[in-house]
Amino acid sequence: MSGVGVFSAVVIGILAGWIADLALARRHSLFIKLLIGVIGSFIGAFIAQRLHLAIPGFLGSLAVSAVGATLFLAVLGLFRRSA
């Protein structure tokens, strides 16, 4: 992976985690937002692939990652409340 690709992945991860934090009114550190965004990108990509959606470009990747990150945080929130 090129340096630009890694940088883009980090930026998308942070932004997706930040969007998910805002959507669910959470307050996580920058590192946790990055982790949430990266995990969300895998979840979002899996869902998009299953639905046969092809959303190209930076904004498409950000949207898919943000949706995945929001779903990830929502599911974690359900487990946290039930414990």
Protein backbone atom coordinates (compact mmCIF):
# COMPACT_ATOMS: atom_id res chain seq x y z
CA MET A 1 0.00 0.00 0.00
CA SER A 2 1.40 3.41 -0.91
CA GLY A 3 1.96 6.20 1.57
CA VAL A 4 -0.98 8.14 0.15
CA GLY A 5 -3.22 5.09 0.55
CA VAL A 6 -2.26 4.65 4.20
CA PHE A 7 -2.76 8.36 4.86
CA SER A 8 -6.19 8.29 3.18
CA ALA A 9 -7.18 5.23 5.20
CA VAL A 10 -6.19 6.95 8.44
CA VAL A 11 -8.04 10.15 7.51
CA ILE A 12 -11.17 8.21 6.50
CA GLY A 13 -10.96 6.16 9.71
CA ILE A 14 -10.72 9.23 11.92
CA LEU A 15 -13.50 11.04 10.08
CA ALA A 16 -15.78 7.98 10.08
CA GLY A 17 -15.20 7.47 13.81
CA TRP A 18 -15.85 11.15 14.44
CA ILE A 19 -19.11 11.04 12.44
CA ALA A 20 -20.23 7.94 14.36
CA ASP A 21 -19.33 9.66 17.65
CA LEU A 22 -21.44 12.67 16.67
CA ALA A 23 -24.35 10.56 15.46
CA LEU A 24 -24.55 8.61 18.71
CA ALA A 25 -23.49 11.48 21.04
CA ARG A 26 -20.38 9.71 22.32
CA ARG A 27 -17.02 11.15 23.36
CA HIS A 28 -14.03 9.01 22.45
CA SER A 29 -10.36 9.85 22.05
CA LEU A 30 -8.82 10.38 18.62
CA PHE A 31 -7.19 6.93 18.73
CA ILE A 32 -10.49 5.22 19.62
CA LYS A 33 -12.24 7.16 16.83
CA LEU A 34 -9.61 5.83 14.42
CA LEU A 35 -10.19 2.25 15.62
CA ILE A 36 -13.96 2.68 15.37
CA GLY A 37 -13.59 4.08 11.86
CA VAL A 38 -11.30 1.28 10.68
CA ILE A 39 -13.58 -1.42 12.10
CA GLY A 40 -16.53 0.46 10.64
CA SER A 41 -14.92 0.51 7.23
CA PHE A 42 -14.71 -3.29 7.25
CA ILE A 43 -18.33 -3.57 8.40
CA GLY A 44 -19.51 -0.99 5.86
CA ALA A 45 -17.57 -2.62 3.02
CA PHE A 46 -19.01 -6.02 3.92
CA ILE A 47 -22.57 -4.64 3.90
CA ALA A 48 -22.01 -2.69 0.66
CA GLN A 49 -20.59 -5.80 -1.00
CA ARG A 50 -23.55 -7.92 0.11
CA LEU A 51 -25.96 -5.30 -1.26
CA HIS A 52 -23.94 -5.08 -4.50
CA LEU A 53 -23.29 -1.36 -4.01
CA ALA A 54 -20.31 0.25 -5.70
CA ILE A 55 -19.65 3.65 -4.17
CA PRO A 56 -16.34 4.96 -5.55
CA GLY A 57 -14.08 7.74 -4.39
CA PHE A 58 -13.09 9.35 -1.13
CA LEU A 59 -16.61 10.49 -0.20
CA GLY A 60 -18.06 7.09 -1.03
CA SER A 61 -15.47 5.38 1.16
CA LEU A 62 -16.16 7.87 3.93
CA ALA A 63 -19.92 7.30 3.72
CA VAL A 64 -19.58 3.50 3.78
CA SER A 65 -17.10 3.69 6.67
CA ALA A 66 -19.26 6.13 8.65
CA VAL A 67 -22.34 3.91 8.29
CA GLY A 68 -20.34 0.87 9.37
CA ALA A 69 -18.79 2.75 12.31
CA THR A 70 -22.20 4.01 13.46
CA LEU A 71 -23.62 0.48 13.30
CA PHE A 72 -20.60 -0.83 15.21
CA LEU A 73 -21.01 1.75 17.99
CA ALA A 74 -24.77 1.14 18.16
CA VAL A 75 -24.29 -2.61 18.58
CA LEU A 76 -21.58 -2.05 21.20
CA GLY A 77 -23.96 0.27 23.03
CA LEU A 78 -26.60 -2.47 23.16
CA PHE A 79 -24.14 -4.89 24.73
CA ARG A 80 -22.90 -2.29 27.18
CA ARG A 81 -26.41 -1.48 28.41
CA SER A 82 -27.39 -5.13 28.84
CA ALA A 83 -24.36 -5.95 30.99
